[in-house]
Amino acid sequence: MAVSDAWNPTQYQRFAAERRQPFDDLLALVAPVPDGRVVDLGCGTGELTVDLHRHTGAAVTLGIDSSPAMLAEAPSAPGVVFEVGDLATWWAPEPVDVVFANAALQWVPDHEHLLADLAGQLAPGGQLAVQVPCNADHPSHVIAAAVAAELVEDPPDDPVAINVLSPARYAEILHELRFVDQHVRLQVYGHLLDSTAAVVEWTMGTNLTRFRPLLGDAELARFLEHYRARLVAELGDRRPYFYAFKRILLWARAPR
C-alpha cells in the first residue's frame, strides 16, 4: 500500500466530481443489507463511506484507510467508524455482509490471493464490490513511468500496471472462489478536463503519490515539469482535454 504521508486530501479532492461516478456505479451493484456489517477498504476522506452506509442500511460501516491525513477529513455519521489500517493485511474481526473497495485495491499486489482473503471474510450471502483503475496503457501512466526511469533512483513500479488483472481473469477468479452470482465489466469514463496539462493535476492526486516520499520539493517540481512537457508533446495542447479513463467494476455474492 502507498506510504500514508504521500496522500494529499486537497489534491485528491480536486476532481471529486469526476471520481464520484465510478463509486455510484459500483454502489448500484450492491444490494442493501439492513442491520448488516459493511467494510469500506481504502475509504479515503470518508464522505463516500457515509453514502455507502446509507445505501446498504447497515448497522455499522467501518472505513479503513492507510492515510491518517485522509482520515483526518472524514465526517462524523451515526453507525460509521473509521480507522487506520493496511489494506493488504487487514482482517475483519467477524464476518461482514459487504466488502467494498472503490479505487483502492490497485495498490495491493497479488489480487488472486487478495480476493480469496476478502471472500473469506464474508458472511453467508455476503457481497464483494470492487472498482480498480486499469489505465496503465494510457500516456498519463506510460510517460510517468518513462520520466521516473530517467529522473528517480530505483523508481517504484506503477501499481496499476503490475497489480490490476484483466476483466476476464477477475471473472475466472470469482468463479474459482465459488461465488454464486457475479458481474464484471470494463467501463470507460470520459472526463472533460480544462486542458491536457490538467492530467498532471489528476495524476498528482493518485498515481504519482508513489513518488512523493522519494523526492524533495525541488526534485518533485523537476519531475512534474518533465512529465507535463512530455505529456503535452504526446497528447497535444488541447483545451479542453477529453481524458478517457478505463476502470474495472466487479461484484459478486457468496453462497448462503
Protein backbone atom coordinates (compact mmCIF):
# COMPACT_ATOMS: atom_id res chain seq x y z
CA MET A 1 0.00 0.00 0.00
CA ALA A 2 1.19 3.55 -0.66
CA VAL A 3 3.00 5.32 2.16
CA SER A 4 0.38 7.18 4.16
CA ASP A 5 2.08 10.61 4.18
CA ALA A 6 2.16 10.53 0.37
CA TRP A 7 -1.53 11.40 0.24
CA ASN A 8 -2.81 14.94 -0.01
CA PRO A 9 -6.58 15.20 0.59
CA THR A 10 -6.83 18.62 -1.08
CA GLN A 11 -5.10 17.38 -4.24
CA TYR A 12 -7.20 14.23 -4.35
CA GLN A 13 -10.47 16.15 -3.95
CA ARG A 14 -9.71 18.48 -6.88
CA PHE A 15 -11.54 16.02 -9.11
CA ALA A 16 -14.08 14.78 -6.60
CA ALA A 17 -16.99 15.10 -9.04
CA GLU A 18 -15.21 13.05 -11.71
CA ARG A 19 -14.22 10.38 -9.19
CA ARG A 20 -17.79 10.19 -7.91
CA GLN A 21 -19.37 8.43 -10.92
CA PRO A 22 -17.42 5.13 -10.65
CA PHE A 23 -18.35 4.97 -6.97
CA ASP A 24 -22.02 5.48 -7.80
CA ASP A 25 -21.87 2.80 -10.49
CA LEU A 26 -20.26 0.32 -8.10
CA LEU A 27 -22.71 1.20 -5.34
CA ALA A 28 -25.64 0.50 -7.69
CA LEU A 29 -24.48 -3.14 -7.87
CA VAL A 30 -24.70 -3.60 -4.09
CA ALA A 31 -27.95 -4.84 -2.57
CA PRO A 32 -29.00 -3.34 0.79
CA VAL A 33 -28.09 -5.31 3.92
CA PRO A 34 -30.41 -3.91 6.62
CA ASP A 35 -28.75 -4.04 10.06
CA GLY A 36 -25.70 -5.70 8.48
CA ARG A 37 -21.98 -5.11 8.72
CA VAL A 38 -20.08 -3.32 5.93
CA VAL A 39 -16.40 -2.50 5.45
CA ASP A 40 -15.08 0.12 3.02
CA LEU A 41 -11.44 -0.62 2.20
CA GLY A 42 -9.45 2.40 1.08
CA CYS A 43 -12.16 4.83 2.18
CA GLY A 44 -10.04 7.97 1.71
CA THR A 45 -11.68 11.04 3.22
CA GLY A 46 -14.81 9.09 4.07
CA GLU A 47 -17.62 11.11 2.51
CA LEU A 48 -18.47 8.26 0.16
CA THR A 49 -18.32 5.78 3.03
CA VAL A 50 -21.26 7.60 4.59
CA ASP A 51 -23.18 7.24 1.31
CA LEU A 52 -22.33 3.53 1.25
CA HIS A 53 -23.65 3.19 4.80
CA ARG A 54 -26.93 4.89 3.93
CA HIS A 55 -27.40 2.85 0.76
CA THR A 56 -26.89 -0.51 2.47
CA GLY A 57 -28.87 0.30 5.61
CA ALA A 58 -26.13 -1.37 7.63
CA ALA A 59 -25.98 -1.27 11.40
CA VAL A 60 -22.30 -0.40 11.22
CA THR A 61 -19.93 0.54 8.42
CA LEU A 62 -16.18 0.54 9.01
CA GLY A 63 -13.95 2.69 6.78
CA ILE A 64 -10.31 1.58 6.54
CA ASP A 65 -7.51 3.66 5.02
CA SER A 66 -3.73 3.70 5.35
CA SER A 67 -3.54 7.50 5.37
CA PRO A 68 -4.08 9.40 8.62
CA ALA A 69 -4.15 12.62 6.57
CA MET A 70 -7.09 11.37 4.52
CA LEU A 71 -8.95 10.03 7.56
CA ALA A 72 -8.49 13.35 9.34
CA GLU A 73 -11.00 14.75 6.82
CA ALA A 74 -13.59 12.01 7.48
CA PRO A 75 -17.06 13.17 8.54
CA SER A 76 -18.90 12.04 11.63
CA ALA A 77 -22.02 9.97 10.99
CA PRO A 78 -24.08 7.58 13.13
CA GLY A 79 -23.07 3.98 12.58
CA VAL A 80 -19.89 4.86 10.65
CA VAL A 81 -16.46 4.26 12.15
CA PHE A 82 -13.05 4.98 10.63
CA GLU A 83 -9.66 3.53 11.45
CA VAL A 84 -6.15 3.41 10.03
CA GLY A 85 -5.26 0.05 8.52
CA ASP A 86 -3.22 -1.70 5.85
CA LEU A 87 -5.42 -2.98 3.03
CA ALA A 88 -3.01 -5.83 2.33
CA THR A 89 -3.19 -7.29 5.84
CA TRP A 90 -6.41 -6.02 7.44
CA TRP A 91 -8.81 -8.75 8.54
CA ALA A 92 -12.37 -8.34 9.81
CA PRO A 93 -12.80 -9.43 13.44
CA GLU A 94 -16.08 -11.10 12.42
CA PRO A 95 -17.76 -11.90 9.07
CA VAL A 96 -19.17 -8.93 7.17
CA ASP A 97 -22.09 -8.62 4.77
CA VAL A 98 -20.35 -6.33 2.26
CA VAL A 99 -16.68 -5.79 1.47
CA PHE A 100 -16.50 -2.65 -0.65
CA ALA A 101 -13.32 -1.26 -2.22
CA ASN A 102 -13.54 1.67 -4.61
CA ALA A 103 -10.32 2.71 -6.39
CA ALA A 104 -8.08 1.26 -3.69
CA LEU A 105 -7.02 -2.32 -4.31
CA GLN A 106 -4.74 -1.37 -7.22
CA TRP A 107 -2.19 -0.51 -4.52
CA VAL A 108 -2.22 -4.09 -3.20
CA PRO A 109 -0.31 -6.88 -5.01
CA ASP A 110 -1.41 -10.45 -5.80
CA HIS A 111 -5.10 -9.97 -6.47
CA GLU A 112 -5.75 -13.69 -6.77
CA HIS A 113 -4.84 -14.22 -3.14
CA LEU A 114 -6.27 -10.86 -2.10
CA LEU A 115 -9.73 -11.68 -3.45
CA ALA A 116 -9.57 -15.09 -1.77
CA ASP A 117 -8.78 -13.37 1.55
CA LEU A 118 -11.65 -10.92 1.09
CA ALA A 119 -14.03 -13.73 0.17
CA GLY A 120 -13.05 -15.49 3.39
CA GLN A 121 -14.26 -12.50 5.42
CA LEU A 122 -17.80 -12.55 4.02
CA ALA A 123 -20.81 -13.85 5.89
CA PRO A 124 -23.03 -16.36 4.03
CA GLY A 125 -24.64 -14.49 1.14
CA GLY A 126 -22.19 -11.63 1.57
CA GLN A 127 -21.23 -9.31 -1.27
CA LEU A 128 -17.86 -8.27 -2.66
CA ALA A 129 -17.77 -5.00 -4.65
CA VAL A 130 -14.53 -3.69 -6.13
CA GLN A 131 -13.57 -0.97 -8.59
CA VAL A 132 -9.99 -0.57 -9.82
CA PRO A 133 -8.47 1.69 -12.49
CA CYS A 134 -6.91 -0.12 -15.45
CA ASN A 135 -5.45 2.79 -17.40
CA ALA A 136 -1.80 1.73 -17.30
CA ASP A 137 -1.57 1.83 -21.11
CA HIS A 138 -2.67 5.48 -21.30
CA PRO A 139 0.09 8.07 -21.91
CA SER A 140 -0.64 9.57 -18.48
CA HIS A 141 0.77 6.37 -16.94
CA VAL A 142 3.27 5.36 -19.61
CA ILE A 143 5.00 8.76 -19.66
CA ALA A 144 5.09 8.94 -15.85
CA ALA A 145 6.94 5.63 -15.77
CA ALA A 146 9.34 6.78 -18.50
CA VAL A 147 10.18 10.04 -16.73
CA ALA A 148 10.62 8.19 -13.45
CA ALA A 149 13.10 5.82 -15.08
CA GLU A 150 15.17 8.84 -16.13
CA LEU A 151 14.95 11.02 -13.02
CA VAL A 152 14.22 8.80 -9.99
CA GLU A 153 16.70 6.40 -8.48
CA ASP A 154 15.12 2.94 -8.18
CA PRO A 155 11.61 4.21 -9.03
CA PRO A 156 8.61 2.26 -7.76
CA ASP A 157 6.53 0.44 -10.36
CA ASP A 158 3.15 1.71 -11.47
CA PRO A 159 0.80 -0.29 -9.19
CA VAL A 160 -1.94 -0.33 -11.82
CA ALA A 161 0.41 -1.87 -14.36
CA ILE A 162 1.69 -4.64 -12.09
CA ASN A 163 -1.31 -5.39 -9.85
CA VAL A 164 -4.51 -5.00 -11.86
CA LEU A 165 -5.67 -8.06 -13.81
CA SER A 166 -7.89 -8.34 -16.88
CA PRO A 167 -11.69 -8.31 -16.51
CA ALA A 168 -11.81 -11.91 -17.76
CA ARG A 169 -9.31 -13.04 -15.12
CA TYR A 170 -11.32 -11.39 -12.36
CA ALA A 171 -14.41 -13.24 -13.59
CA GLU A 172 -12.47 -16.52 -13.53
CA ILE A 173 -11.22 -15.87 -10.01
CA LEU A 174 -14.72 -15.14 -8.72
CA HIS A 175 -15.91 -18.41 -10.25
CA GLU A 176 -12.98 -20.31 -8.72
CA LEU A 177 -13.86 -18.81 -5.33
CA ARG A 178 -17.37 -20.27 -5.70
CA PHE A 179 -19.30 -17.03 -5.76
CA VAL A 180 -22.83 -17.84 -6.89
CA ASP A 181 -23.50 -14.58 -8.75
CA GLN A 182 -21.10 -12.14 -10.35
CA HIS A 183 -20.93 -9.05 -12.53
CA VAL A 184 -17.64 -7.91 -14.07
CA ARG A 185 -17.26 -5.13 -16.61
CA LEU A 186 -14.76 -2.76 -18.14
CA GLN A 187 -16.05 0.80 -18.36
CA VAL A 188 -14.53 3.89 -19.92
CA TYR A 189 -15.20 7.15 -18.07
CA GLY A 190 -14.75 10.30 -20.12
CA HIS A 191 -13.52 13.23 -18.03
CA LEU A 192 -13.50 16.63 -19.70
CA LEU A 193 -10.54 18.44 -18.14
CA ASP A 194 -9.61 22.09 -18.72
CA SER A 195 -6.53 21.17 -20.70
CA THR A 196 -4.05 18.39 -21.42
CA ALA A 197 -1.83 19.77 -18.67
CA ALA A 198 -4.64 19.22 -16.17
CA VAL A 199 -3.95 15.50 -16.45
CA VAL A 200 -0.88 16.22 -14.33
CA GLU A 201 -3.09 17.56 -11.54
CA TRP A 202 -5.23 14.42 -11.79
CA THR A 203 -2.32 12.01 -11.53
CA MET A 204 -0.70 14.00 -8.72
CA GLY A 205 -3.70 13.06 -6.58
CA THR A 206 -3.41 9.34 -7.26
CA ASN A 207 -0.84 7.53 -9.39
CA LEU A 208 2.05 9.94 -8.78
CA THR A 209 1.68 9.77 -5.00
CA ARG A 210 4.20 6.91 -5.06
CA PHE A 211 6.95 9.43 -5.83
CA ARG A 212 6.27 11.92 -3.03
CA PRO A 213 8.09 10.01 -0.26
CA LEU A 214 11.15 9.65 -2.51
CA LEU A 215 11.59 13.21 -3.80
CA GLY A 216 12.20 16.55 -2.16
CA ASP A 217 10.24 19.59 -3.24
CA ALA A 218 12.79 20.65 -5.86
CA GLU A 219 13.13 17.14 -7.28
CA LEU A 220 9.37 16.70 -7.41
CA ALA A 221 8.96 20.03 -9.21
CA ARG A 222 11.58 18.96 -11.78
CA PHE A 223 9.83 15.61 -12.23
CA LEU A 224 6.47 17.30 -12.82
CA GLU A 225 7.99 19.80 -15.26
CA HIS A 226 9.41 16.98 -17.41
CA TYR A 227 6.24 14.93 -17.08
CA ARG A 228 4.00 17.83 -18.10
CA ALA A 229 6.15 18.72 -21.13
CA ARG A 230 6.30 15.12 -22.35
CA LEU A 231 2.58 14.62 -21.82
CA VAL A 232 1.60 17.73 -23.77
CA ALA A 233 4.04 16.80 -26.54
CA GLU A 234 2.46 13.35 -26.80
CA LEU A 235 -1.21 14.32 -26.50
CA GLY A 236 -1.15 17.85 -27.88
CA ASP A 237 -2.10 21.03 -26.07
CA ARG A 238 -5.87 20.51 -26.12
CA ARG A 239 -8.30 22.83 -24.35
CA PRO A 240 -10.41 21.16 -23.10
CA TYR A 241 -8.94 17.66 -22.99
CA PHE A 242 -11.09 14.52 -23.02
CA TYR A 243 -9.43 12.10 -20.60
CA ALA A 244 -10.64 8.57 -21.39
CA PHE A 245 -10.15 6.59 -18.20
CA LYS A 246 -10.72 2.82 -18.07
CA ARG A 247 -11.91 1.09 -14.91
CA ILE A 248 -12.96 -2.43 -13.94
CA LEU A 249 -16.04 -2.88 -11.79
CA LEU A 250 -16.78 -6.23 -10.20
CA TRP A 251 -19.48 -7.50 -7.86
CA ALA A 252 -20.12 -10.99 -6.56
CA ARG A 253 -22.29 -12.73 -3.99
CA ALA A 254 -21.08 -15.57 -1.76
CA PRO A 255 -23.20 -18.70 -1.33
CA ARG A 256 -25.62 -18.75 1.61
